[in-house]
Amino acid sequence: MQRRMFITLLSGAAIAWPLAARAQQPERVRRIGVLMALDPDDPEGQSEVKGLKQGLQELGWIEGRNLQMEYSWPGGEPNRIQASAKALVGAQCDVIVARSTPVVAALLRETHTIPIVFGWVVDPVGSGFVQSFPHPGGNVTGFQNLEFSMVGKWIELLTRIAPSVRRVVYIYNLATVPTGFLRTLDALAPTIPVKLVAAPVHNSAEIDAAVAEFAREPGGGLMMMPDTFNEANHVQIIALAAKCGLPAVYPHRFNDGLISYGPDLPSLFKRAASYVDRILRGEKPAELPVQAPTSYELIINLKTAKALGLTVPQSLVVAADEVID
């Protein structure tokens, strides 16, 4: 009898042990690459990453438990972006989250198999990243942030907040700017009451020279193009606009900028987390439609306006989503 009981207990333990072992197995850790094309201390970039992490956490993906994040902050220089893209692909990430057109282009030069989710890109179809919005068709999908027609809105806002502006310089780097914006400006130029002045640049020293040269004549304003190079150098551009007394408009929020109109980028990155989640759970980027922003935000900095000697129209103050005092 004792022998039979011992065998029964032993058999029960043999069943229980594997169950217990399985219960104690750690969760599978998935690896997510994040390529930002900004400097690591950039506050806007950090806000976007925070939005991504918050979205992932809400979906059950926790760093240190079932998720490993590989961050890369190469700034806006194309060669450094390409090197970072190569390194992230070599790290065999399960998904790579990309910020901006040059970043996606760099990643696609390295892989057509690893899923890529862009937190924002201006023209994913025209850039050749996806076949269409409803059916991306490859290893890339994500979120559009701007349309080319918005340049007209930026000029309108700039001239409303600074009616004396008669000339507007727009800074861009041809290696990184979405060229559709340049084509739209060329088409718009004959129809607007301000003169548009193109300022192509290749490095930060050329930004200084271009703005200083433009500011020698009165009635000037500045429009920062949504260009990865400009994003990486936005602190310099904002400081130059202040130094030269140029009212300036920006494609999205910079706290010291005079006025901005564009999407809430951290919210786009939070939405991108939902696509990362779906891909990690087995869906394919080819079948996840590209999405557009659901809203835009107008932000006005009254402190910057006062420093420029501007009185912001009450209609703009009322319309703003946020007014910075």
Protein backbone atom coordinates (compact mmCIF):
# COMPACT_ATOMS: atom_id res chain seq x y z
CA MET A 1 0.00 0.00 0.00
CA GLN A 2 2.74 2.45 0.92
CA ARG A 3 4.53 1.64 -2.32
CA ARG A 4 1.39 2.33 -4.37
CA MET A 5 0.87 5.67 -2.57
CA PHE A 6 4.47 6.66 -3.23
CA ILE A 7 4.10 5.89 -6.95
CA THR A 8 0.82 7.86 -7.09
CA LEU A 9 2.38 10.85 -5.38
CA LEU A 10 5.40 10.66 -7.65
CA SER A 11 3.19 10.56 -10.75
CA GLY A 12 1.25 13.59 -9.53
CA ALA A 13 4.48 15.46 -8.95
CA ALA A 14 5.68 14.57 -12.44
CA ILE A 15 2.60 16.28 -13.83
CA ALA A 16 2.78 19.24 -11.49
CA TRP A 17 6.47 20.01 -11.96
CA PRO A 18 6.25 20.84 -15.71
CA LEU A 19 3.16 22.98 -15.04
CA ALA A 20 4.98 24.86 -12.31
CA ALA A 21 8.04 25.25 -14.50
CA ARG A 22 5.93 26.67 -17.30
CA ALA A 23 4.26 29.10 -14.92
CA GLN A 24 7.63 30.40 -13.81
CA GLN A 25 8.99 30.94 -17.32
CA PRO A 26 9.70 34.67 -17.96
CA GLU A 27 7.74 36.45 -20.68
CA ARG A 28 9.29 36.54 -24.12
CA VAL A 29 11.18 39.81 -24.50
CA ARG A 30 10.62 41.65 -27.78
CA ARG A 31 13.10 44.19 -29.13
CA ILE A 32 11.93 47.54 -30.51
CA GLY A 33 14.29 49.92 -32.30
CA VAL A 34 13.60 53.67 -32.23
CA LEU A 35 15.43 55.90 -34.73
CA MET A 36 14.76 59.57 -34.01
CA ALA A 37 17.17 61.67 -36.16
CA LEU A 38 17.41 64.23 -33.37
CA ASP A 39 19.91 64.86 -30.61
CA PRO A 40 19.23 62.88 -27.41
CA ASP A 41 18.66 66.04 -25.35
CA ASP A 42 16.03 67.41 -27.76
CA PRO A 43 12.90 68.07 -25.64
CA GLU A 44 10.47 67.58 -28.54
CA GLY A 45 12.04 64.24 -29.40
CA GLN A 46 11.92 63.14 -25.78
CA SER A 47 8.21 64.05 -25.66
CA GLU A 48 7.57 61.90 -28.73
CA VAL A 49 9.42 58.93 -27.23
CA LYS A 50 7.45 59.42 -24.02
CA GLY A 51 4.23 59.23 -26.04
CA LEU A 52 5.41 56.01 -27.70
CA LYS A 53 6.37 54.41 -24.38
CA GLN A 54 3.10 55.46 -22.76
CA GLY A 55 1.14 53.91 -25.61
CA LEU A 56 3.12 50.68 -25.38
CA GLN A 57 2.67 50.49 -21.61
CA GLU A 58 -1.08 50.91 -21.94
CA LEU A 59 -1.05 47.92 -24.30
CA GLY A 60 0.93 45.76 -21.88
CA TRP A 61 4.47 46.24 -23.19
CA ILE A 62 6.79 47.13 -20.33
CA GLU A 63 10.52 47.85 -20.64
CA GLY A 64 12.54 45.42 -18.58
CA ARG A 65 9.75 42.84 -18.49
CA ASN A 66 8.63 41.89 -21.97
CA LEU A 67 10.17 44.71 -23.97
CA GLN A 68 13.67 45.94 -24.76
CA MET A 69 14.01 49.36 -26.41
CA GLU A 70 17.01 50.23 -28.59
CA TYR A 71 17.21 54.02 -29.06
CA SER A 72 19.30 55.85 -31.63
CA TRP A 73 19.68 59.66 -31.70
CA PRO A 74 22.02 60.52 -34.63
CA GLY A 75 20.88 64.12 -35.13
CA GLY A 76 19.90 65.36 -38.57
CA GLU A 77 23.04 64.59 -40.56
CA PRO A 78 22.24 62.04 -43.34
CA ASN A 79 25.40 59.93 -42.98
CA ARG A 80 24.86 59.50 -39.24
CA ILE A 81 21.20 58.59 -39.85
CA GLN A 82 22.27 55.91 -42.31
CA ALA A 83 24.83 54.48 -39.89
CA SER A 84 22.21 54.32 -37.15
CA ALA A 85 19.76 52.61 -39.49
CA LYS A 86 22.37 49.98 -40.32
CA ALA A 87 23.09 49.39 -36.62
CA LEU A 88 19.43 48.96 -35.68
CA VAL A 89 18.82 46.55 -38.53
CA GLY A 90 21.90 44.61 -37.45
CA ALA A 91 20.49 44.41 -33.91
CA GLN A 92 17.66 42.26 -35.34
CA CYS A 93 14.83 44.28 -33.86
CA ASP A 94 11.32 42.87 -34.09
CA VAL A 95 9.97 46.29 -35.13
CA ILE A 96 11.65 49.64 -35.78
CA VAL A 97 9.86 52.93 -35.07
CA ALA A 98 11.06 55.71 -37.40
CA ARG A 99 10.81 59.48 -37.17
CA SER A 100 10.57 61.30 -40.51
CA THR A 101 11.11 60.69 -44.21
CA PRO A 102 14.94 60.49 -44.28
CA VAL A 103 14.89 57.96 -41.45
CA VAL A 104 12.47 55.63 -43.25
CA ALA A 105 14.47 55.99 -46.47
CA ALA A 106 17.66 55.07 -44.61
CA LEU A 107 16.05 52.03 -43.01
CA LEU A 108 14.69 50.79 -46.34
CA ARG A 109 18.21 50.87 -47.75
CA GLU A 110 19.07 48.32 -45.05
CA THR A 111 15.99 46.06 -44.84
CA HIS A 112 12.77 45.10 -46.59
CA THR A 113 11.85 42.44 -44.05
CA ILE A 114 11.93 44.03 -40.58
CA PRO A 115 8.61 45.85 -39.95
CA ILE A 116 8.95 49.64 -39.83
CA VAL A 117 6.34 51.91 -38.23
CA PHE A 118 6.85 55.61 -38.87
CA GLY A 119 5.72 57.95 -36.12
CA TRP A 120 5.36 60.55 -38.83
CA VAL A 121 6.17 61.01 -42.52
CA VAL A 122 4.82 63.72 -44.83
CA ASP A 123 4.37 61.90 -48.15
CA PRO A 124 4.68 58.12 -47.72
CA VAL A 125 3.23 57.31 -51.16
CA GLY A 126 5.25 59.92 -53.07
CA SER A 127 8.39 58.85 -51.21
CA GLY A 128 7.85 55.26 -52.37
CA PHE A 129 7.48 53.85 -48.87
CA VAL A 130 3.97 52.46 -49.37
CA GLN A 131 1.78 51.59 -52.34
CA SER A 132 -1.28 53.39 -50.98
CA PHE A 133 -2.75 54.55 -47.69
CA PRO A 134 -5.30 51.70 -47.44
CA HIS A 135 -2.86 49.00 -48.59
CA PRO A 136 0.81 49.82 -47.79
CA GLY A 137 1.93 46.57 -49.37
CA GLY A 138 5.45 46.20 -47.92
CA ASN A 139 7.23 46.24 -44.57
CA VAL A 140 6.35 49.88 -43.79
CA THR A 141 3.29 51.62 -42.39
CA GLY A 142 2.54 54.41 -39.94
CA PHE A 143 1.20 57.94 -39.63
CA GLN A 144 1.25 60.96 -41.93
CA ASN A 145 1.81 64.26 -40.15
CA LEU A 146 1.38 67.05 -42.71
CA GLU A 147 0.02 67.85 -46.15
CA PHE A 148 1.87 70.02 -48.66
CA SER A 149 -1.00 72.51 -48.80
CA MET A 150 -0.29 73.55 -45.20
CA VAL A 151 2.42 75.97 -46.37
CA GLY A 152 -0.37 78.32 -47.38
CA LYS A 153 -1.85 78.15 -43.89
CA TRP A 154 1.53 78.89 -42.30
CA ILE A 155 2.00 81.99 -44.45
CA GLU A 156 -1.53 83.13 -43.63
CA LEU A 157 -0.92 82.75 -39.88
CA LEU A 158 2.42 84.53 -40.09
CA THR A 159 0.95 87.56 -41.88
CA ARG A 160 -2.00 87.69 -39.48
CA ILE A 161 0.21 87.79 -36.41
CA ALA A 162 2.71 90.14 -38.11
CA PRO A 163 0.87 92.24 -40.75
CA SER A 164 4.02 94.19 -41.59
CA VAL A 165 5.70 91.11 -43.07
CA ARG A 166 6.19 91.50 -46.82
CA ARG A 167 9.01 89.00 -47.40
CA VAL A 168 9.21 85.44 -46.07
CA VAL A 169 12.39 83.36 -46.11
CA TYR A 170 12.02 79.59 -46.00
CA ILE A 171 15.02 77.54 -44.90
CA TYR A 172 15.54 73.98 -46.10
CA ASN A 173 18.15 71.35 -46.82
CA LEU A 174 17.53 69.75 -50.21
CA ALA A 175 18.91 66.42 -48.95
CA THR A 176 16.19 66.12 -46.30
CA VAL A 177 13.21 68.37 -47.16
CA PRO A 178 10.09 66.75 -48.66
CA THR A 179 10.25 68.36 -52.10
CA GLY A 180 6.48 68.54 -52.42
CA PHE A 181 6.59 71.55 -50.09
CA LEU A 182 8.96 73.33 -52.47
CA ARG A 183 6.72 72.60 -55.46
CA THR A 184 3.70 73.87 -53.55
CA LEU A 185 5.50 77.10 -52.65
CA ASP A 186 6.50 77.64 -56.27
CA ALA A 187 2.86 77.26 -57.32
CA LEU A 188 1.65 79.49 -54.48
CA ALA A 189 4.11 82.34 -54.99
CA PRO A 190 2.17 84.29 -57.69
CA THR A 191 -1.05 84.24 -55.65
CA ILE A 192 0.06 85.56 -52.25
CA PRO A 193 0.81 89.13 -51.05
CA VAL A 194 4.32 88.37 -49.78
CA LYS A 195 7.57 87.64 -51.57
CA LEU A 196 8.96 84.16 -50.92
CA VAL A 197 12.73 83.88 -50.60
CA ALA A 198 14.29 80.41 -50.80
CA ALA A 199 17.27 79.71 -48.54
CA PRO A 200 18.81 76.29 -49.27
CA VAL A 201 21.42 75.33 -46.66
CA HIS A 202 23.70 72.38 -46.00
CA ASN A 203 25.09 73.05 -42.52
CA SER A 204 24.49 75.20 -39.45
CA ALA A 205 26.96 77.89 -40.58
CA GLU A 206 24.93 78.41 -43.74
CA ILE A 207 21.80 78.90 -41.63
CA ASP A 208 23.49 81.81 -39.85
CA ALA A 209 24.60 83.37 -43.12
CA ALA A 210 21.25 82.95 -44.88
CA VAL A 211 19.18 84.46 -42.06
CA ALA A 212 21.61 87.34 -41.50
CA GLU A 213 21.63 88.20 -45.21
CA PHE A 214 17.83 88.07 -45.44
CA ALA A 215 17.33 90.21 -42.31
CA ARG A 216 19.27 93.15 -43.76
CA GLU A 217 16.10 94.35 -45.46
CA PRO A 218 12.95 95.32 -43.51
CA GLY A 219 9.56 93.63 -43.55
CA GLY A 220 10.93 90.11 -43.21
CA GLY A 221 9.46 86.96 -41.68
CA LEU A 222 10.67 83.38 -41.47
CA MET A 223 9.00 80.04 -42.17
CA MET A 224 10.74 76.91 -40.91
CA MET A 225 10.10 74.09 -43.34
CA PRO A 226 9.26 70.63 -41.94
CA ASP A 227 12.70 69.28 -42.73
CA THR A 228 14.68 66.82 -40.61
CA PHE A 229 17.75 69.05 -40.89
CA ASN A 230 15.76 72.03 -39.63
CA GLU A 231 14.30 69.94 -36.82
CA ALA A 232 17.78 69.05 -35.64
CA ASN A 233 18.80 72.73 -35.78
CA HIS A 234 15.58 74.32 -34.53
CA VAL A 235 17.18 75.85 -31.43
CA GLN A 236 19.60 77.76 -33.66
CA ILE A 237 16.84 78.85 -36.05
CA ILE A 238 14.58 80.09 -33.25
CA ALA A 239 17.48 82.01 -31.67
CA LEU A 240 18.36 83.61 -35.02
CA ALA A 241 14.76 84.67 -35.62
CA ALA A 242 14.75 86.38 -32.21
CA LYS A 243 18.16 87.98 -32.72
CA CYS A 244 17.24 89.35 -36.14
CA GLY A 245 13.73 90.43 -35.10
CA LEU A 246 12.01 88.11 -37.57
CA PRO A 247 8.48 86.90 -36.82
CA ALA A 248 8.53 83.17 -37.55
CA VAL A 249 6.06 80.33 -38.06
CA TYR A 250 6.83 76.67 -37.35
CA PRO A 251 5.25 73.39 -38.51
CA HIS A 252 4.73 72.16 -34.97
CA ARG A 253 5.30 73.12 -31.37
CA PHE A 254 8.55 74.70 -30.23
CA ASN A 255 8.07 76.41 -26.88
CA ASP A 256 10.11 79.52 -27.76
CA GLY A 257 8.72 79.85 -31.28
CA LEU A 258 6.28 82.68 -32.05
CA ILE A 259 3.52 80.65 -33.67
CA SER A 260 3.08 77.08 -34.82
CA TYR A 261 0.39 75.06 -36.52
CA GLY A 262 0.59 71.33 -36.98
CA PRO A 263 -0.15 67.96 -35.42
CA ASP A 264 0.56 66.98 -31.84
CA LEU A 265 3.61 64.80 -32.57
CA PRO A 266 3.71 62.98 -29.19
CA SER A 267 0.12 61.88 -29.82
CA LEU A 268 1.13 60.49 -33.24
CA PHE A 269 3.86 58.45 -31.57
CA LYS A 270 1.38 57.22 -28.98
CA ARG A 271 -0.89 56.11 -31.81
CA ALA A 272 2.10 54.43 -33.48
CA ALA A 273 2.36 52.20 -30.40
CA SER A 274 -0.91 50.55 -31.43
CA TYR A 275 0.68 49.44 -34.72
CA VAL A 276 3.79 48.18 -32.95
CA ASP A 277 1.50 46.14 -30.68
CA ARG A 278 -0.48 44.68 -33.57
CA ILE A 279 2.69 43.72 -35.44
CA LEU A 280 4.18 42.06 -32.36
CA ARG A 281 0.95 40.06 -32.07
CA GLY A 282 1.21 38.77 -35.63
CA GLU A 283 -0.29 41.34 -38.02
CA LYS A 284 1.68 42.51 -41.04
CA PRO A 285 2.53 46.16 -41.82
CA ALA A 286 1.42 45.58 -45.42
CA GLU A 287 -2.14 45.18 -44.12
CA LEU A 288 -2.21 48.10 -41.65
CA PRO A 289 -3.42 51.29 -43.41
CA VAL A 290 -1.44 54.50 -43.17
CA GLN A 291 -3.32 57.00 -40.99
CA ALA A 292 -3.50 60.80 -41.05
CA PRO A 293 -3.65 63.21 -38.09
CA THR A 294 -7.05 63.54 -36.46
CA SER A 295 -6.42 67.16 -35.45
CA TYR A 296 -3.99 70.07 -35.66
CA GLU A 297 -3.02 72.47 -32.89
CA LEU A 298 -2.36 76.21 -33.04
CA ILE A 299 0.11 77.47 -30.42
CA ILE A 300 1.02 81.11 -29.84
CA ASN A 301 3.80 82.44 -27.62
CA LEU A 302 2.79 85.85 -26.25
CA LYS A 303 6.17 86.34 -24.61
CA THR A 304 7.92 85.96 -27.96
CA ALA A 305 5.34 88.22 -29.60
CA LYS A 306 5.97 90.94 -27.01
CA ALA A 307 9.75 90.69 -27.53
CA LEU A 308 9.15 91.28 -31.25
CA GLY A 309 6.85 94.23 -30.56
CA LEU A 310 3.79 92.41 -31.90
CA THR A 311 0.21 92.65 -30.67
CA VAL A 312 -1.46 89.32 -31.31
CA PRO A 313 -4.98 89.71 -32.76
CA GLN A 314 -7.63 88.60 -30.30
CA SER A 315 -9.13 86.36 -32.97
CA LEU A 316 -5.91 84.34 -33.04
CA VAL A 317 -5.72 84.18 -29.25
CA VAL A 318 -9.27 82.83 -29.12
CA ALA A 319 -8.58 80.31 -31.89
CA ALA A 320 -5.36 79.00 -30.33
CA ASP A 321 -5.26 75.60 -28.70
CA GLU A 322 -2.59 76.88 -26.35
CA VAL A 323 -1.29 80.34 -25.50
CA ILE A 324 2.13 80.52 -23.84
CA ASP A 325 2.53 83.59 -21.61
